[in-house]
Amino acid sequence: MFPSPFSPGASRIMSEPAESPGDPEGTTVVETIRLLRADRARLDRLLRDRGISASAILSPSFLCVALYRISRYLFVNGRTIASRLVWQVNLFLTGADISPICRLGAGLVVIHPVAATIVGSAGRCLTVEGHGGLGGGLALNDIGAGPGLPLLGDEVHLARGASILGPVRIGDRVRIGPGCTVVRDLPDDAEVPAHEVLILRRTRSSTGETHDAV
């Protein structure tokens, strides 16, 4: 549905700046609405560049982000039970697990919400294609996103199945290829390509069929 950042000419689409609100925390209704407008504007641009006329506001991609913004607003204002309820509604309706403890900048896009998990902090224009995301589990030191959680810069793109785990710093304009897992710091403009399958040996069964061992 959307272009991959690893295809020719896609970098302009993926890194086009969204409107930048003054309060990335979304602590007020006004700032939360500004964040949502920036999120929708960026998703609308992606749809237009693909020749898709449907409104972004009707897509699961926008719904999961909108529910996250609401749960985040409730969380930072001390309404933890309501925040958790909206978080669970988001998980049920869209399949996206976006924790309200996340600090995510304007222009957030989750292309395929099902099985997307986001726990950590990121700057503007984060793109998560789906079946991956970011979270902890490797250590408990806090580098600014919470104990054991990753801290991402602006315009980071996670292709389908890509994950960032643990307390690692990811620079601006970093692209993580499909199926890749990042567990160490990456500088600005780094690119992690998809892994190629390496055939170690080839065997032939008694029926004459050839099997590759990888």
Foldseek 3Di string as FASTA:
>chain_A
DFDDPPDPPCLCLQAVFFDFAPDLQLQDPVSLVVLLVRQQVSVVSRCVVVVHPDRPVPDLFSVLVNLLSVLLNCVVVPNNVVSVVSQVVSCVPQLAREHSLERETGRETAQRRRCEYEQWYEYEREYHPHVEYWEADPFQDPPPTHGFGDYEYYSEYEHALEYEYTHEYEEYNEYEEHNHYHDYYDYHPHYHYDDDDDFPDWDADPVGDIDTDD
